[in-house]
Amino acid sequence: MNILYVAQQALARGHFDEAVSTLESAQHKVTIKEQAQLKLYTASLYGLCREKGIDGALRHLNESVGCDAQIVETPLYKALAWQLAAYQGESLQRVRAGVAQVLSCGQVLAQFHAADALVVSG
């Protein structure tokens, strides 16, 4: 998806709102499964904001499932879910168990959110 590149470039320039807007505006032009992916990436952007992004991340994470229930099986979804759980007070032991597979999945973005979940919870 070229739209991800455009959003990444906006984020690299420090334009968070532009990156979110880019992903959100593209959701009206793609299939429902692609919408789920875009919502997941939008949740990831909010996840980068740490505590300040919890509400936005949670909203977009839930919306992604509304578009495609299978998205819960992806490493990025799992990592974001555990990251949000950590910010909401989940124990280190549970977070560690939850992110174990994500940390070895080879997807850098998912690994980042999983690592943040560990830092926050422990």
C-alpha atoms as a PDB file:
ATOM      1  CA  MET A   1       0.000   0.000   0.000  1.00  0.00           C
ATOM      2  CA  ASN A   2       1.559   3.264  -1.123  1.00  0.00           C
ATOM      3  CA  ILE A   3      -0.555   5.088   1.438  1.00  0.00           C
ATOM      4  CA  LEU A   4       1.571   3.625   4.226  1.00  0.00           C
ATOM      5  CA  TYR A   5       4.663   5.159   2.674  1.00  0.00           C
ATOM      6  CA  VAL A   6       2.954   8.568   2.534  1.00  0.00           C
ATOM      7  CA  ALA A   7       1.931   8.267   6.193  1.00  0.00           C
ATOM      8  CA  GLN A   8       5.444   7.150   7.184  1.00  0.00           C
ATOM      9  CA  GLN A   9       6.955  10.133   5.416  1.00  0.00           C
ATOM     10  CA  ALA A  10       4.596  12.506   7.225  1.00  0.00           C
ATOM     11  CA  LEU A  11       5.508  10.897  10.538  1.00  0.00           C
ATOM     12  CA  ALA A  12       9.218  11.104   9.725  1.00  0.00           C
ATOM     13  CA  ARG A  13       8.782  14.875   9.252  1.00  0.00           C
ATOM     14  CA  GLY A  14       7.122  15.059  12.672  1.00  0.00           C
ATOM     15  CA  HIS A  15       3.634  15.586  11.268  1.00  0.00           C
ATOM     16  CA  PHE A  16       1.618  13.153  13.374  1.00  0.00           C
ATOM     17  CA  ASP A  17      -1.782  14.625  12.498  1.00  0.00           C
ATOM     18  CA  GLU A  18      -0.978  14.453   8.784  1.00  0.00           C
ATOM     19  CA  ALA A  19       0.028  10.789   9.112  1.00  0.00           C
ATOM     20  CA  VAL A  20      -3.223   9.941  10.903  1.00  0.00           C
ATOM     21  CA  SER A  21      -5.266  11.945   8.425  1.00  0.00           C
ATOM     22  CA  THR A  22      -3.573  10.185   5.512  1.00  0.00           C
ATOM     23  CA  LEU A  23      -4.488   6.761   6.876  1.00  0.00           C
ATOM     24  CA  GLU A  24      -8.009   7.762   7.852  1.00  0.00           C
ATOM     25  CA  SER A  25      -8.837   9.380   4.522  1.00  0.00           C
ATOM     26  CA  ALA A  26      -7.620   6.328   2.605  1.00  0.00           C
ATOM     27  CA  GLN A  27     -10.050   4.055   4.460  1.00  0.00           C
ATOM     28  CA  HIS A  28     -12.909   5.167   2.239  1.00  0.00           C
ATOM     29  CA  LYS A  29     -11.135   4.008  -0.928  1.00  0.00           C
ATOM     30  CA  VAL A  30     -10.202   0.415  -0.067  1.00  0.00           C
ATOM     31  CA  THR A  31     -11.750  -2.964   0.698  1.00  0.00           C
ATOM     32  CA  ILE A  32     -13.016  -3.782   4.167  1.00  0.00           C
ATOM     33  CA  LYS A  33      -9.963  -5.968   4.899  1.00  0.00           C
ATOM     34  CA  GLU A  34      -7.670  -3.133   3.831  1.00  0.00           C
ATOM     35  CA  GLN A  35      -9.678  -0.796   6.071  1.00  0.00           C
ATOM     36  CA  ALA A  36      -8.920  -3.121   8.967  1.00  0.00           C
ATOM     37  CA  GLN A  37      -5.201  -2.896   8.199  1.00  0.00           C
ATOM     38  CA  LEU A  38      -5.311   0.896   7.925  1.00  0.00           C
ATOM     39  CA  LYS A  39      -7.160   1.139  11.232  1.00  0.00           C
ATOM     40  CA  LEU A  40      -4.552  -1.138  12.794  1.00  0.00           C
ATOM     41  CA  TYR A  41      -1.742   1.089  11.506  1.00  0.00           C
ATOM     42  CA  THR A  42      -3.616   4.130  12.807  1.00  0.00           C
ATOM     43  CA  ALA A  43      -3.828   2.428  16.205  1.00  0.00           C
ATOM     44  CA  SER A  44      -0.077   1.898  15.962  1.00  0.00           C
ATOM     45  CA  LEU A  45       0.474   5.618  15.354  1.00  0.00           C
ATOM     46  CA  TYR A  46      -1.501   6.420  18.485  1.00  0.00           C
ATOM     47  CA  GLY A  47       0.466   3.734  20.315  1.00  0.00           C
ATOM     48  CA  LEU A  48       3.629   5.689  19.542  1.00  0.00           C
ATOM     49  CA  CYS A  49       2.208   8.496  21.691  1.00  0.00           C
ATOM     50  CA  ARG A  50       2.374   6.228  24.736  1.00  0.00           C
ATOM     51  CA  GLU A  51      -0.029   7.299  27.532  1.00  0.00           C
ATOM     52  CA  LYS A  52      -1.449  10.192  25.516  1.00  0.00           C
ATOM     53  CA  GLY A  53      -2.435   7.865  22.690  1.00  0.00           C
ATOM     54  CA  ILE A  54      -4.279   5.180  24.649  1.00  0.00           C
ATOM     55  CA  ASP A  55      -7.796   6.320  23.754  1.00  0.00           C
ATOM     56  CA  GLY A  56      -7.049   6.732  20.050  1.00  0.00           C
ATOM     57  CA  ALA A  57      -5.165   3.446  19.883  1.00  0.00           C
ATOM     58  CA  LEU A  58      -7.943   1.554  21.625  1.00  0.00           C
ATOM     59  CA  ARG A  59     -10.624   3.081  19.407  1.00  0.00           C
ATOM     60  CA  HIS A  60      -8.802   2.210  16.186  1.00  0.00           C
ATOM     61  CA  LEU A  61      -7.831  -1.234  17.442  1.00  0.00           C
ATOM     62  CA  ASN A  62     -11.489  -2.011  18.127  1.00  0.00           C
ATOM     63  CA  GLU A  63     -12.542  -0.574  14.773  1.00  0.00           C
ATOM     64  CA  SER A  64     -10.028  -2.806  13.008  1.00  0.00           C
ATOM     65  CA  VAL A  65     -11.702  -5.874  14.527  1.00  0.00           C
ATOM     66  CA  GLY A  66     -15.068  -4.526  13.411  1.00  0.00           C
ATOM     67  CA  CYS A  67     -13.776  -4.580   9.840  1.00  0.00           C
ATOM     68  CA  ASP A  68     -12.018  -7.946  10.028  1.00  0.00           C
ATOM     69  CA  ALA A  69     -12.241 -10.207  13.074  1.00  0.00           C
ATOM     70  CA  GLN A  70      -9.235 -12.212  11.828  1.00  0.00           C
ATOM     71  CA  ILE A  71      -6.957  -9.231  12.448  1.00  0.00           C
ATOM     72  CA  VAL A  72      -6.682 -10.279  16.101  1.00  0.00           C
ATOM     73  CA  GLU A  73      -4.330 -13.043  14.937  1.00  0.00           C
ATOM     74  CA  THR A  74      -1.738 -10.631  13.539  1.00  0.00           C
ATOM     75  CA  PRO A  75       1.433  -9.841  15.500  1.00  0.00           C
ATOM     76  CA  LEU A  76       0.785  -6.098  15.314  1.00  0.00           C
ATOM     77  CA  TYR A  77      -2.702  -6.444  16.770  1.00  0.00           C
ATOM     78  CA  LYS A  78      -1.433  -8.680  19.573  1.00  0.00           C
ATOM     79  CA  ALA A  79       1.425  -6.313  20.371  1.00  0.00           C
ATOM     80  CA  LEU A  80      -0.851  -3.280  20.465  1.00  0.00           C
ATOM     81  CA  ALA A  81      -3.396  -5.084  22.626  1.00  0.00           C
ATOM     82  CA  TRP A  82      -0.683  -6.003  25.145  1.00  0.00           C
ATOM     83  CA  GLN A  83       0.802  -2.520  24.997  1.00  0.00           C
ATOM     84  CA  LEU A  84      -2.585  -1.044  25.881  1.00  0.00           C
ATOM     85  CA  ALA A  85      -3.089  -3.653  28.597  1.00  0.00           C
ATOM     86  CA  ALA A  86       0.270  -2.697  30.079  1.00  0.00           C
ATOM     87  CA  TYR A  87      -0.707   0.971  30.163  1.00  0.00           C
ATOM     88  CA  GLN A  88      -3.893  -0.067  31.926  1.00  0.00           C
ATOM     89  CA  GLY A  89      -1.946  -1.886  34.642  1.00  0.00           C
ATOM     90  CA  GLU A  90      -1.580  -5.472  33.434  1.00  0.00           C
ATOM     91  CA  SER A  91       1.148  -7.403  35.282  1.00  0.00           C
ATOM     92  CA  LEU A  92       4.609  -7.949  33.829  1.00  0.00           C
ATOM     93  CA  GLN A  93       4.149 -11.719  34.020  1.00  0.00           C
ATOM     94  CA  ARG A  94       0.986 -11.664  31.887  1.00  0.00           C
ATOM     95  CA  VAL A  95       2.401  -9.122  29.443  1.00  0.00           C
ATOM     96  CA  ARG A  96       5.615 -11.131  29.092  1.00  0.00           C
ATOM     97  CA  ALA A  97       3.606 -14.274  28.276  1.00  0.00           C
ATOM     98  CA  GLY A  98       1.354 -12.348  25.887  1.00  0.00           C
ATOM     99  CA  VAL A  99       4.124 -10.788  23.823  1.00  0.00           C
ATOM    100  CA  ALA A 100       6.487 -13.778  23.764  1.00  0.00           C
ATOM    101  CA  GLN A 101       5.586 -14.851  20.226  1.00  0.00           C
ATOM    102  CA  VAL A 102       5.406 -11.290  18.950  1.00  0.00           C
ATOM    103  CA  LEU A 103       8.991 -10.604  19.978  1.00  0.00           C
ATOM    104  CA  SER A 104      10.217 -13.323  17.606  1.00  0.00           C
ATOM    105  CA  CYS A 105       7.828 -12.619  14.720  1.00  0.00           C
ATOM    106  CA  GLY A 106      10.286 -10.576  12.655  1.00  0.00           C
ATOM    107  CA  GLN A 107       7.896  -7.625  12.249  1.00  0.00           C
ATOM    108  CA  VAL A 108       9.706  -4.593  13.594  1.00  0.00           C
ATOM    109  CA  LEU A 109       6.640  -2.472  14.238  1.00  0.00           C
ATOM    110  CA  ALA A 110       4.951  -5.248  16.219  1.00  0.00           C
ATOM    111  CA  GLN A 111       8.175  -5.892  18.103  1.00  0.00           C
ATOM    112  CA  PHE A 112       8.425  -2.216  19.026  1.00  0.00           C
ATOM    113  CA  HIS A 113       4.942  -2.179  20.558  1.00  0.00           C
ATOM    114  CA  ALA A 114       5.610  -5.490  22.317  1.00  0.00           C
ATOM    115  CA  ALA A 115       8.844  -4.148  23.776  1.00  0.00           C
ATOM    116  CA  ASP A 116       7.066  -1.002  24.950  1.00  0.00           C
ATOM    117  CA  ALA A 117       4.467  -3.203  26.658  1.00  0.00           C
ATOM    118  CA  LEU A 118       7.271  -4.913  28.576  1.00  0.00           C
ATOM    119  CA  VAL A 119       8.895  -1.618  29.564  1.00  0.00           C
ATOM    120  CA  VAL A 120       5.604  -0.162  30.766  1.00  0.00           C
ATOM    121  CA  SER A 121       4.585  -3.232  32.756  1.00  0.00           C
ATOM    122  CA  GLY A 122       7.912  -3.901  34.369  1.00  0.00           C
END
